[in-house]
Amino acid sequence: MTTETPWWRDAVIYQVYIRSFADSDGDGIGDLAGLTDRLGYLADLGVDAVWINPWYASPQVDNGYDVADYRAVEPAYGTLADAEKLIARAHEHGLRVIPDLVPNHLSAEHAWFREALAAGPGSPERARFVFRPGRGPDGAEPPTNWRAHFGGPAWTRVAGPDGGPGEWYLHLFDPGQPDLDWRNAEVRAEFESVLRFWFDRGVDGFRVDVAHGLVKDPGLPDLADVDDLTGASLGPGAHPFADRDEVQEIYESWRRIAEEYPGARMFVAEAWVPSPERLARYVSPGRLHTAFNFDFLLAPWEPAALREAIDTTTGYLHGVGAPATWVLENHDVVRAPSRYGRRRDGAVDVALGERRARAAFVLMAALPGGVYVYQGQELGLPQVDDIPDEALRDPTWERSGHTERGRDGSRVPLPWTAGGSSFGFGPDGGDAPWLPQPDWFGRYAVDVESDDAGSTLALVRAALARRAALDALGEGPLTWESEPGDPVLSFRRGPGFACVVNLAAAPVPLPEHAEVLLTSAPLDDGLLPADCAVWLSVG
């Protein structure tokens, strides 16, 4: 990066799911001290910044995405002083810190919601939320037919002043996560204050949770398609609670706050929207800086789908002057080796999935823009599909009536060592990790992969080191060498660099080149094997 290029335009950012990263005190839950102790590992990996899932005080209904106090740290993770120490130590390692921000909803234990319940209908305290009388006889039916993301109705009824049934409140996720009303000036002012609170303590940006969902249609219309939670079945901006145009005014005010601070502070949006064109609106000039590219994450291992995701994303985002942001894993989706290795009968071919995931990472790291790495992705961890029912913690499990197992399989605490009672996640003899680790986790431990030149960890370290050293990578143009429909993807970046990904069933010859810079798997007598990616130095 040049000194004139803001760091976030082509940064590599590592996602830390704090509960599952490193447990310093043996209580079975990851914490800030554990993360602070491992900052050297992240710096050596070659990342530029750390995005940390919510560290705020919370009853943990949804593992921190139900915030009870935005200015306090969850006691299981540490203290505010621990967060300030983490920020300072990260900066000493050359790492920037990006905490999560949860603005769509807060916790039912937050002081505001307790005040709203006590104050009653029509009060200023309830005006911070979306309270409405019910429909039907005695208001016994929810105000709308909206469904919650975690299953069940998006409304819960509370008691009235006389102790009988009263109003309903909106929660697009869990009843423990009441939605805020962003048409309320007090809500807007509070979050602007929260931004300043953490910017003043040195954080370098925020990941914005449910960035598409803050503003609701005040008319609260029913949905014709109750399963449409993002607006795919409606016209642009027409969904009653997703991707409404009014949300952009909020982000324009946040951008102005970020620009008051030195050091190129930034935002990255989690915005689930129907099209790349709609996504580009979130990162238009004067709004948020970047947004996750879920089209690429969700694309199947097929050349046409991957190429389309790359072209549409770069086209629309570059059209508004924003960089693309590439991601293959996060805490909400199935890990890439299991996703890419799942066969039509539902069984997972782990070896095939790992091979494809390695190639996908090499492809992603060569694309223009920024890259996100989810903890454990650098180890090639597959999804843990067999967590016992009684150990599941994701609210989706309960809200779906035990029909959807939820996201816990991608959140199992990391293996740092091949041995030990928790594979090095916590001290030996400490409490069991909050989610059980399978016996096979030791094969993917950091200490095992660090000594294996062919491991996924070695590949990721090499790819990120090469990426940082090559002027052709990061931001900049991409020129396709392969034709649409080809089973092999091939493109050039800047001076002297080419990336080739073989999605055909058989090995293919390499194009003319001066040097092989990096491969996701060994070459086969000079040929590029199936499900393999290579970086080349070319003339």
Protein backbone atom coordinates (compact mmCIF):
# COMPACT_ATOMS: atom_id res chain seq x y z
CA MET A 1 0.00 0.00 0.00
CA THR A 2 1.16 3.52 -0.71
CA THR A 3 1.01 6.12 2.02
CA GLU A 4 -1.88 7.75 0.16
CA THR A 5 -4.00 4.56 0.09
CA PRO A 6 -6.18 4.06 3.20
CA TRP A 7 -5.19 0.82 4.88
CA TRP A 8 -8.68 -0.68 4.74
CA ARG A 9 -8.89 -0.69 0.93
CA ASP A 10 -6.79 -3.85 0.58
CA ALA A 11 -6.32 -5.06 4.16
CA VAL A 12 -6.32 -8.66 5.36
CA ILE A 13 -8.58 -8.77 8.42
CA TYR A 14 -8.82 -11.72 10.80
CA GLN A 15 -12.15 -12.45 12.48
CA VAL A 16 -11.99 -13.47 16.15
CA TYR A 17 -15.03 -15.19 17.64
CA ILE A 18 -13.99 -14.22 21.13
CA ARG A 19 -15.72 -17.06 23.03
CA SER A 20 -13.84 -19.63 20.96
CA PHE A 21 -10.40 -18.14 20.33
CA ALA A 22 -8.32 -18.58 23.51
CA ASP A 23 -9.30 -19.05 27.17
CA SER A 24 -6.76 -17.53 29.55
CA ASP A 25 -8.38 -18.37 32.90
CA GLY A 26 -9.71 -21.90 32.42
CA ASP A 27 -13.44 -21.18 32.66
CA GLY A 28 -14.10 -22.71 29.23
CA ILE A 29 -14.82 -19.38 27.54
CA GLY A 30 -12.43 -17.41 25.37
CA ASP A 31 -11.53 -13.94 26.63
CA LEU A 32 -9.67 -10.72 25.89
CA ALA A 33 -6.58 -11.78 27.81
CA GLY A 34 -6.38 -14.98 25.74
CA LEU A 35 -6.59 -12.94 22.55
CA THR A 36 -3.98 -10.47 23.79
CA ASP A 37 -1.61 -13.36 24.50
CA ARG A 38 -2.02 -14.63 20.91
CA LEU A 39 -1.54 -11.35 19.04
CA GLY A 40 1.93 -12.45 18.00
CA TYR A 41 0.42 -15.45 16.22
CA LEU A 42 -1.87 -13.13 14.24
CA ALA A 43 0.94 -10.75 13.37
CA ASP A 44 3.05 -13.69 12.17
CA LEU A 45 0.12 -14.95 10.11
CA GLY A 46 0.34 -11.75 8.10
CA VAL A 47 -2.96 -10.00 8.80
CA ASP A 48 -3.42 -6.25 9.12
CA ALA A 49 -6.33 -6.04 11.55
CA VAL A 50 -8.57 -8.03 13.88
CA TRP A 51 -12.37 -7.93 13.81
CA ILE A 52 -13.72 -9.10 17.16
CA ASN A 53 -17.28 -10.37 17.63
CA PRO A 54 -19.19 -8.47 20.35
CA TRP A 55 -17.25 -8.04 23.58
CA TYR A 56 -19.93 -5.97 25.36
CA ALA A 57 -21.77 -6.83 28.57
CA SER A 58 -24.51 -9.29 27.60
CA PRO A 59 -26.68 -12.09 29.01
CA GLN A 60 -25.39 -14.10 26.02
CA VAL A 61 -28.76 -15.14 24.61
CA ASP A 62 -27.09 -14.91 21.20
CA ASN A 63 -23.44 -15.07 22.29
CA GLY A 64 -23.04 -11.31 22.66
CA TYR A 65 -25.30 -10.07 19.88
CA ASP A 66 -27.74 -9.13 22.63
CA VAL A 67 -25.97 -6.15 24.20
CA ALA A 68 -26.91 -5.02 27.70
CA ASP A 69 -24.31 -2.22 27.92
CA TYR A 70 -22.36 -0.91 24.93
CA ARG A 71 -19.80 0.85 27.14
CA ALA A 72 -18.91 -2.14 29.31
CA VAL A 73 -17.14 -5.43 28.59
CA GLU A 74 -18.80 -8.78 29.20
CA PRO A 75 -17.34 -10.01 32.54
CA ALA A 76 -16.69 -13.49 31.08
CA TYR A 77 -14.34 -11.79 28.58
CA GLY A 78 -12.65 -9.36 30.97
CA THR A 79 -12.94 -5.66 31.78
CA LEU A 80 -12.84 -2.34 30.01
CA ALA A 81 -9.20 -2.10 31.08
CA ASP A 82 -8.57 -5.45 29.34
CA ALA A 83 -10.11 -4.09 26.15
CA GLU A 84 -7.94 -0.96 26.33
CA LYS A 85 -4.86 -3.14 26.92
CA LEU A 86 -5.78 -5.31 23.92
CA ILE A 87 -6.13 -2.25 21.68
CA ALA A 88 -2.75 -0.89 22.79
CA ARG A 89 -0.94 -4.24 22.43
CA ALA A 90 -2.51 -4.85 19.02
CA HIS A 91 -1.22 -1.49 17.84
CA GLU A 92 2.25 -2.42 19.11
CA HIS A 93 2.06 -5.51 16.87
CA GLY A 94 1.01 -3.38 13.92
CA LEU A 95 -2.56 -4.71 14.08
CA ARG A 96 -5.69 -2.58 13.96
CA VAL A 97 -8.77 -3.45 16.05
CA ILE A 98 -12.33 -3.54 14.73
CA PRO A 99 -15.01 -4.43 17.29
CA ASP A 100 -18.50 -5.48 16.31
CA LEU A 101 -21.33 -2.97 16.61
CA VAL A 102 -24.91 -4.24 17.05
CA PRO A 103 -27.27 -1.36 16.21
CA ASN A 104 -30.43 -3.14 15.00
CA HIS A 105 -31.35 -4.53 18.40
CA LEU A 106 -30.10 -4.72 21.96
CA SER A 107 -30.69 -7.02 24.92
CA ALA A 108 -33.95 -7.39 26.80
CA GLU A 109 -31.72 -6.84 29.86
CA HIS A 110 -30.56 -3.42 28.61
CA ALA A 111 -31.64 -0.57 30.90
CA TRP A 112 -33.62 1.01 28.07
CA PHE A 113 -35.82 -2.04 27.56
CA ARG A 114 -36.44 -2.50 31.27
CA GLU A 115 -37.48 1.17 31.40
CA ALA A 116 -39.77 0.64 28.42
CA LEU A 117 -41.55 -2.27 30.11
CA ALA A 118 -42.00 -0.27 33.30
CA ALA A 119 -43.17 2.93 31.58
CA GLY A 120 -46.03 1.42 29.60
CA PRO A 121 -47.76 2.19 26.29
CA GLY A 122 -47.29 5.60 24.68
CA SER A 123 -44.25 6.50 26.79
CA PRO A 124 -41.00 8.04 25.51
CA GLU A 125 -39.22 4.97 26.84
CA ARG A 126 -41.26 2.66 24.61
CA ALA A 127 -40.76 4.98 21.64
CA ARG A 128 -37.15 3.80 21.48
CA PHE A 129 -38.47 0.38 20.38
CA VAL A 130 -41.16 -0.96 18.07
CA PHE A 131 -44.14 -1.59 20.35
CA ARG A 132 -47.62 -2.04 18.84
CA PRO A 133 -51.03 -3.31 19.94
CA GLY A 134 -51.93 -6.73 18.62
CA ARG A 135 -54.55 -7.62 16.04
CA GLY A 136 -57.74 -9.61 16.39
CA PRO A 137 -59.95 -10.05 19.44
CA ASP A 138 -58.28 -8.61 22.55
CA GLY A 139 -55.12 -7.96 20.51
CA ALA A 140 -54.19 -11.60 20.79
CA GLU A 141 -52.55 -11.81 17.35
CA PRO A 142 -49.14 -10.31 16.46
CA PRO A 143 -49.23 -6.88 14.74
CA THR A 144 -47.80 -8.37 11.49
CA ASN A 145 -47.06 -11.75 9.96
CA TRP A 146 -43.30 -11.17 10.08
CA ARG A 147 -41.08 -14.10 11.02
CA ALA A 148 -37.88 -13.96 13.06
CA HIS A 149 -34.56 -15.00 11.55
CA PHE A 150 -34.12 -17.58 14.31
CA GLY A 151 -37.60 -19.03 13.76
CA GLY A 152 -41.07 -18.27 15.07
CA PRO A 153 -42.96 -14.96 15.09
CA ALA A 154 -41.00 -11.69 15.14
CA TRP A 155 -43.26 -10.37 17.92
CA THR A 156 -43.61 -11.10 21.64
CA ARG A 157 -46.41 -9.86 23.88
CA VAL A 158 -45.71 -8.18 27.21
CA ALA A 159 -47.92 -7.58 30.21
CA GLY A 160 -50.15 -4.51 30.35
CA PRO A 161 -50.37 -1.98 33.21
CA ASP A 162 -53.01 -4.13 34.93
CA GLY A 163 -50.94 -7.27 34.64
CA GLY A 164 -53.01 -8.65 31.80
CA PRO A 165 -51.86 -9.08 28.17
CA GLY A 166 -50.53 -5.83 26.70
CA GLU A 167 -48.60 -4.62 23.65
CA TRP A 168 -46.27 -6.59 21.41
CA TYR A 169 -42.64 -5.72 20.70
CA LEU A 170 -40.64 -6.46 17.55
CA HIS A 171 -37.58 -8.74 17.57
CA LEU A 172 -36.32 -9.83 14.18
CA PHE A 173 -34.05 -12.39 15.84
CA ASP A 174 -34.71 -13.68 19.38
CA PRO A 175 -37.21 -12.37 21.98
CA GLY A 176 -34.15 -11.48 24.04
CA GLN A 177 -33.12 -9.04 21.27
CA PRO A 178 -35.77 -6.30 20.95
CA ASP A 179 -35.41 -4.15 17.83
CA LEU A 180 -34.73 -0.45 18.21
CA ASP A 181 -36.76 2.20 16.38
CA TRP A 182 -34.20 4.12 14.32
CA ARG A 183 -36.71 6.87 13.54
CA ASN A 184 -36.25 7.91 17.17
CA ALA A 185 -33.72 10.74 17.60
CA GLU A 186 -32.65 9.43 21.01
CA VAL A 187 -31.62 6.10 19.46
CA ARG A 188 -29.52 7.85 16.82
CA ALA A 189 -27.83 10.07 19.39
CA GLU A 190 -27.03 7.14 21.66
CA PHE A 191 -25.21 5.20 18.97
CA GLU A 192 -23.28 8.24 17.84
CA SER A 193 -22.12 8.52 21.45
CA VAL A 194 -21.17 4.82 21.50
CA LEU A 195 -19.07 5.28 18.37
CA ARG A 196 -17.19 8.16 19.96
CA PHE A 197 -16.72 6.21 23.22
CA TRP A 198 -14.79 3.46 21.43
CA PHE A 199 -13.06 5.67 18.86
CA ASP A 200 -11.74 7.67 21.81
CA ARG A 201 -10.24 4.42 23.15
CA GLY A 202 -8.38 3.78 19.93
CA VAL A 203 -10.43 1.28 17.96
CA ASP A 204 -9.83 1.54 14.22
CA GLY A 205 -13.32 0.85 12.96
CA PHE A 206 -16.48 -1.19 13.41
CA ARG A 207 -18.15 -4.13 11.76
CA VAL A 208 -21.85 -3.19 11.52
CA ASP A 209 -24.14 -6.09 12.35
CA VAL A 210 -27.39 -6.37 10.32
CA ALA A 211 -26.51 -3.16 8.51
CA HIS A 212 -29.46 -3.64 6.16
CA GLY A 213 -32.05 -3.95 8.91
CA LEU A 214 -32.16 -0.83 11.05
CA VAL A 215 -35.07 1.12 9.54
CA LYS A 216 -38.60 -0.30 9.42
CA ASP A 217 -41.63 0.87 7.42
CA PRO A 218 -43.74 2.75 10.02
CA GLY A 219 -46.89 1.30 8.44
CA LEU A 220 -45.71 -2.22 9.36
CA PRO A 221 -47.28 -3.94 6.33
CA ASP A 222 -47.61 -7.71 6.18
CA LEU A 223 -45.29 -9.64 3.89
CA ALA A 224 -46.72 -11.53 0.94
CA ASP A 225 -43.78 -13.93 1.27
CA VAL A 226 -43.06 -14.44 4.96
CA ASP A 227 -39.83 -16.29 4.13
CA ASP A 228 -38.34 -13.24 2.37
CA LEU A 229 -36.16 -11.66 5.04
CA THR A 230 -33.93 -9.57 2.76
CA GLY A 231 -36.16 -8.16 0.00
CA ALA A 232 -35.54 -10.59 -2.85
CA SER A 233 -39.27 -10.81 -3.67
CA LEU A 234 -39.92 -7.06 -3.63
CA GLY A 235 -38.74 -3.99 -5.50
CA PRO A 236 -35.64 -2.03 -4.42
CA GLY A 237 -36.15 -0.51 -0.98
CA ALA A 238 -39.70 -1.88 -0.72
CA HIS A 239 -39.18 -4.47 2.02
CA PRO A 240 -40.73 -3.37 5.33
CA PHE A 241 -37.67 -4.17 7.47
CA ALA A 242 -34.71 -4.91 5.18
CA ASP A 243 -32.54 -2.73 2.95
CA ARG A 244 -34.70 0.37 3.17
CA ASP A 245 -33.31 3.50 1.53
CA GLU A 246 -33.60 5.54 4.74
CA VAL A 247 -30.82 3.56 6.40
CA GLN A 248 -28.19 5.37 4.32
CA GLU A 249 -28.76 8.65 6.16
CA ILE A 250 -27.64 6.93 9.37
CA TYR A 251 -24.41 5.76 7.78
CA GLU A 252 -23.69 9.17 6.34
CA SER A 253 -23.75 10.58 9.88
CA TRP A 254 -21.48 7.78 11.11
CA ARG A 255 -19.00 8.41 8.29
CA ARG A 256 -18.76 12.05 9.36
CA ILE A 257 -17.94 10.93 12.91
CA ALA A 258 -15.25 8.51 11.72
CA GLU A 259 -13.63 11.25 9.69
CA GLU A 260 -13.24 13.39 12.81
CA TYR A 261 -10.63 10.90 14.03
CA PRO A 262 -7.09 10.36 12.70
CA GLY A 263 -5.79 7.16 11.19
CA ALA A 264 -8.42 6.30 8.56
CA ARG A 265 -11.08 4.80 10.85
CA MET A 266 -13.48 2.55 8.93
CA PHE A 267 -16.75 0.61 8.86
CA VAL A 268 -17.54 -2.72 7.23
CA ALA A 269 -21.19 -3.61 6.66
CA GLU A 270 -22.88 -6.95 7.13
CA ALA A 271 -25.59 -6.21 4.58
CA TRP A 272 -27.65 -9.07 3.21
CA VAL A 273 -29.23 -7.46 0.14
CA PRO A 274 -30.79 -8.82 -3.07
CA SER A 275 -28.18 -7.58 -5.55
CA PRO A 276 -24.66 -6.14 -5.92
CA GLU A 277 -26.31 -2.93 -7.12
CA ARG A 278 -28.07 -2.55 -3.77
CA LEU A 279 -24.85 -3.44 -1.90
CA ALA A 280 -23.01 -0.64 -3.70
CA ARG A 281 -25.35 1.90 -2.11
CA TYR A 282 -23.92 1.10 1.34
CA VAL A 283 -20.39 1.98 0.23
CA SER A 284 -21.16 4.95 -1.99
CA PRO A 285 -19.14 8.11 -1.25
CA GLY A 286 -19.84 9.50 2.20
CA ARG A 287 -21.34 6.27 3.57
CA LEU A 288 -19.72 3.09 4.91
CA HIS A 289 -16.25 2.19 3.70
CA THR A 290 -16.62 -1.50 2.84
CA ALA A 291 -19.19 -4.30 2.83
CA PHE A 292 -18.90 -8.07 2.95
CA ASN A 293 -19.29 -9.77 -0.41
CA PHE A 294 -21.67 -12.62 0.34
CA ASP A 295 -22.23 -13.48 -3.33
CA PHE A 296 -18.66 -14.82 -3.47
CA LEU A 297 -19.05 -16.69 -0.16
CA LEU A 298 -22.27 -18.36 -1.32
CA ALA A 299 -21.08 -19.19 -4.85
CA PRO A 300 -20.78 -22.94 -5.50
CA TRP A 301 -17.47 -24.45 -6.62
CA GLU A 302 -18.28 -23.84 -10.27
CA PRO A 303 -16.30 -21.61 -12.66
CA ALA A 304 -19.28 -19.70 -14.03
CA ALA A 305 -20.67 -18.92 -10.56
CA LEU A 306 -17.31 -17.78 -9.18
CA ARG A 307 -16.56 -15.64 -12.22
CA GLU A 308 -19.98 -14.01 -12.09
CA ALA A 309 -19.58 -13.20 -8.38
CA ILE A 310 -16.17 -11.65 -9.04
CA ASP A 311 -17.31 -9.61 -12.04
CA THR A 312 -20.56 -8.30 -10.60
CA THR A 313 -19.00 -7.40 -7.26
CA THR A 314 -15.99 -5.59 -8.65
CA GLY A 315 -18.10 -3.88 -11.30
CA TYR A 316 -20.71 -2.38 -9.01
CA LEU A 317 -18.37 -1.53 -6.14
CA HIS A 318 -15.66 0.00 -8.32
CA GLY A 319 -18.42 2.00 -9.95
CA VAL A 320 -18.94 3.88 -6.68
CA GLY A 321 -15.22 4.05 -5.83
CA ALA A 322 -15.30 1.31 -3.17
CA PRO A 323 -13.04 -1.74 -2.91
CA ALA A 324 -14.38 -5.27 -2.92
CA THR A 325 -14.19 -7.21 0.34
CA TRP A 326 -13.81 -10.98 -0.08
CA VAL A 327 -14.85 -13.59 2.48
CA LEU A 328 -15.20 -17.39 2.43
CA GLU A 329 -16.09 -18.12 6.06
CA ASN A 330 -17.54 -16.48 9.15
CA HIS A 331 -19.31 -17.43 12.37
CA ASP A 332 -22.72 -17.69 10.65
CA VAL A 333 -21.98 -20.10 7.78
CA VAL A 334 -20.71 -23.64 7.28
CA ARG A 335 -16.93 -23.79 7.08
CA ALA A 336 -15.53 -23.91 3.55
CA PRO A 337 -14.05 -27.45 3.57
CA SER A 338 -17.42 -28.90 4.54
CA ARG A 339 -19.33 -26.63 2.18
CA TYR A 340 -17.16 -27.40 -0.83
CA GLY A 341 -16.94 -31.08 0.03
CA ARG A 342 -20.65 -31.80 0.51
CA ARG A 343 -21.97 -34.25 -2.05
CA ARG A 344 -25.50 -34.46 -3.39
CA ASP A 345 -26.43 -37.16 -0.86
CA GLY A 346 -25.46 -34.82 1.99
CA ALA A 347 -22.27 -36.66 2.93
CA VAL A 348 -19.06 -34.63 3.17
CA ASP A 349 -15.88 -35.63 1.37
CA VAL A 350 -13.50 -33.82 3.73
CA ALA A 351 -10.39 -34.36 1.59
CA LEU A 352 -12.12 -32.94 -1.48
CA GLY A 353 -13.52 -30.02 0.52
CA GLU A 354 -10.13 -29.18 2.02
CA ARG A 355 -8.50 -29.26 -1.41
CA ARG A 356 -11.11 -26.90 -2.84
CA ALA A 357 -11.02 -24.61 0.20
CA ARG A 358 -7.25 -24.22 -0.18
CA ALA A 359 -7.67 -23.32 -3.85
CA ALA A 360 -10.48 -20.92 -3.01
CA PHE A 361 -8.26 -19.14 -0.48
CA VAL A 362 -5.47 -18.72 -3.04
CA LEU A 363 -8.03 -17.38 -5.51
CA MET A 364 -9.50 -14.98 -2.95
CA ALA A 365 -6.10 -13.63 -1.90
CA ALA A 366 -5.34 -12.75 -5.53
CA LEU A 367 -8.52 -10.73 -6.10
CA PRO A 368 -8.57 -6.90 -5.98
CA GLY A 369 -9.57 -5.39 -2.65
CA GLY A 370 -9.56 -6.65 0.93
CA VAL A 371 -9.72 -10.15 2.44
CA TYR A 372 -11.28 -11.55 5.63
CA VAL A 373 -10.03 -14.72 7.34
CA TYR A 374 -12.24 -16.40 9.96
CA GLN A 375 -10.45 -17.97 12.91
CA GLY A 376 -9.60 -21.59 12.13
CA GLN A 377 -9.89 -21.03 8.39
CA GLU A 378 -6.10 -20.76 8.29
CA LEU A 379 -6.00 -24.29 9.75
CA GLY A 380 -8.44 -25.73 7.23
CA LEU A 381 -10.93 -26.66 9.97
CA PRO A 382 -14.04 -28.46 8.69
CA GLN A 383 -17.47 -27.92 10.21
CA VAL A 384 -18.20 -29.89 13.36
CA ASP A 385 -21.44 -31.58 12.33
CA ASP A 386 -21.95 -33.95 15.26
CA ILE A 387 -22.21 -31.70 18.32
CA PRO A 388 -24.57 -33.52 20.72
CA ASP A 389 -28.07 -32.06 20.79
CA GLU A 390 -27.81 -31.27 24.49
CA ALA A 391 -24.65 -29.19 23.90
CA LEU A 392 -26.06 -26.91 21.17
CA ARG A 393 -26.19 -23.25 22.19
CA ASP A 394 -27.35 -21.37 19.08
CA PRO A 395 -30.84 -19.88 19.69
CA THR A 396 -31.85 -21.18 16.26
CA TRP A 397 -31.95 -24.70 17.75
CA GLU A 398 -34.66 -23.83 20.28
CA ARG A 399 -36.54 -21.29 18.14
CA SER A 400 -36.87 -23.80 15.29
CA GLY A 401 -38.30 -26.49 17.54
CA HIS A 402 -35.09 -28.52 17.27
CA THR A 403 -35.34 -28.79 13.47
CA GLU A 404 -32.37 -26.52 12.61
CA ARG A 405 -29.11 -27.16 14.42
CA GLY A 406 -27.88 -23.63 13.90
CA ARG A 407 -24.37 -22.25 13.59
CA ASP A 408 -22.48 -23.84 16.48
CA GLY A 409 -20.57 -26.19 14.17
CA SER A 410 -18.44 -23.28 12.91
CA ARG A 411 -17.90 -21.86 16.41
CA VAL A 412 -16.16 -24.71 18.23
CA PRO A 413 -13.13 -23.45 20.22
CA LEU A 414 -9.83 -23.55 18.36
CA PRO A 415 -7.20 -26.30 18.73
CA TRP A 416 -3.82 -24.74 19.55
CA THR A 417 -2.01 -27.93 20.57
CA ALA A 418 -2.38 -31.59 19.61
CA GLY A 419 -2.66 -32.59 23.26
CA GLY A 420 -4.14 -31.21 26.45
CA SER A 421 -7.61 -31.29 27.89
CA SER A 422 -8.90 -28.64 25.44
CA PHE A 423 -6.26 -28.83 22.69
CA GLY A 424 -4.60 -25.75 24.19
CA PHE A 425 -7.73 -23.59 24.02
CA GLY A 426 -7.52 -23.21 27.80
CA PRO A 427 -5.11 -24.31 30.52
CA ASP A 428 -4.93 -28.03 31.22
CA GLY A 429 -7.35 -29.05 33.94
CA GLY A 430 -9.62 -26.07 33.36
CA ASP A 431 -13.32 -26.21 32.65
CA ALA A 432 -14.42 -27.92 29.45
CA PRO A 433 -14.82 -25.56 26.50
CA TRP A 434 -18.28 -24.01 26.14
CA LEU A 435 -18.79 -26.12 22.99
CA PRO A 436 -17.28 -29.63 22.87
CA GLN A 437 -14.29 -30.22 20.61
CA PRO A 438 -14.17 -33.46 18.59
CA ASP A 439 -11.31 -35.92 19.06
CA TRP A 440 -10.03 -35.27 15.54
CA PHE A 441 -9.38 -31.58 16.26
CA GLY A 442 -5.80 -32.38 17.28
CA ARG A 443 -4.90 -33.07 13.64
CA TYR A 444 -5.60 -29.40 12.86
CA ALA A 445 -3.81 -27.91 15.89
CA VAL A 446 -1.61 -24.88 15.37
CA ASP A 447 1.47 -26.62 16.75
CA VAL A 448 0.97 -29.56 14.37
CA GLU A 449 0.41 -27.42 11.29
CA SER A 450 3.26 -25.05 12.17
CA ASP A 451 5.70 -27.96 11.70
CA ASP A 452 4.15 -29.15 8.42
CA ALA A 453 5.28 -27.33 5.26
CA GLY A 454 2.26 -28.76 3.42
CA SER A 455 -0.36 -27.65 5.94
CA THR A 456 -3.12 -25.15 5.31
CA LEU A 457 -1.52 -22.88 7.92
CA ALA A 458 1.74 -22.89 5.95
CA LEU A 459 -0.19 -22.12 2.75
CA VAL A 460 -2.06 -19.19 4.29
CA ARG A 461 1.12 -17.73 5.79
CA ALA A 462 2.88 -18.02 2.44
CA ALA A 463 -0.04 -16.55 0.50
CA LEU A 464 -0.39 -13.54 2.80
CA ALA A 465 3.37 -12.90 2.79
CA ARG A 466 3.44 -13.05 -1.02
CA ARG A 467 0.36 -10.86 -1.25
CA ALA A 468 1.97 -8.19 0.92
CA ALA A 469 5.19 -8.27 -1.13
CA LEU A 470 3.66 -8.18 -4.61
CA ASP A 471 2.79 -4.75 -5.99
CA ALA A 472 0.30 -6.38 -8.37
CA LEU A 473 -1.97 -7.59 -5.55
CA GLY A 474 -4.31 -5.69 -3.27
CA GLU A 475 -6.25 -2.94 -5.02
CA GLY A 476 -6.08 -2.60 -8.77
CA PRO A 477 -7.51 -3.98 -12.00
CA LEU A 478 -8.20 -7.59 -12.93
CA THR A 479 -7.96 -8.80 -16.54
CA TRP A 480 -9.41 -12.16 -17.50
CA GLU A 481 -7.28 -14.46 -19.66
CA SER A 482 -9.85 -17.28 -19.68
CA GLU A 483 -13.10 -17.04 -21.63
CA PRO A 484 -16.58 -17.17 -20.05
CA GLY A 485 -17.61 -20.80 -19.77
CA ASP A 486 -14.08 -22.13 -19.45
CA PRO A 487 -13.63 -24.71 -16.66
CA VAL A 488 -10.33 -23.02 -15.80
CA LEU A 489 -10.33 -19.49 -14.39
CA SER A 490 -7.30 -17.43 -15.38
CA PHE A 491 -6.63 -13.74 -14.85
CA ARG A 492 -3.81 -11.25 -14.62
CA ARG A 493 -3.17 -8.57 -12.02
CA GLY A 494 -0.90 -5.61 -12.58
CA PRO A 495 2.60 -6.14 -13.93
CA GLY A 496 3.79 -9.69 -14.15
CA PHE A 497 1.23 -11.66 -12.11
CA ALA A 498 -1.30 -14.34 -13.08
CA CYS A 499 -3.65 -16.56 -11.09
CA VAL A 500 -5.03 -19.81 -12.53
CA VAL A 501 -7.68 -22.00 -10.86
CA ASN A 502 -8.49 -25.42 -12.28
CA LEU A 503 -12.12 -26.38 -11.75
CA ALA A 504 -11.98 -29.05 -14.48
CA ALA A 505 -11.94 -32.75 -13.68
CA ALA A 506 -8.40 -33.37 -14.97
CA PRO A 507 -5.00 -31.63 -14.72
CA VAL A 508 -4.32 -28.83 -17.20
CA PRO A 509 -1.09 -27.28 -18.50
CA LEU A 510 0.10 -23.99 -17.05
CA PRO A 511 0.21 -20.93 -19.26
CA GLU A 512 3.59 -19.58 -20.25
CA HIS A 513 5.31 -18.20 -17.16
CA ALA A 514 8.64 -17.28 -15.66
CA GLU A 515 8.16 -18.72 -12.15
CA VAL A 516 5.63 -20.56 -10.00
CA LEU A 517 5.05 -18.32 -6.97
CA LEU A 518 2.51 -20.34 -4.99
CA THR A 519 0.30 -23.41 -5.40
CA SER A 520 -2.58 -24.65 -3.27
CA ALA A 521 -1.43 -28.25 -3.92
CA PRO A 522 1.67 -29.78 -5.55
CA LEU A 523 1.80 -29.69 -9.32
CA ASP A 524 1.37 -32.96 -11.23
CA ASP A 525 4.40 -33.32 -13.55
CA GLY A 526 4.16 -29.62 -14.26
CA LEU A 527 0.39 -29.73 -14.75
CA LEU A 528 -2.13 -27.92 -12.55
CA PRO A 529 -4.26 -30.61 -10.84
CA ALA A 530 -8.04 -30.44 -10.52
CA ASP A 531 -9.31 -28.22 -7.69
CA CYS A 532 -5.98 -26.44 -7.45
CA ALA A 533 -4.92 -22.78 -7.78
CA VAL A 534 -1.55 -21.32 -8.70
CA TRP A 535 0.11 -17.91 -8.71
CA LEU A 536 2.56 -17.28 -11.53
CA SER A 537 5.15 -14.68 -12.42
CA VAL A 538 4.52 -13.87 -16.07
CA GLY A 539 5.98 -11.58 -18.67
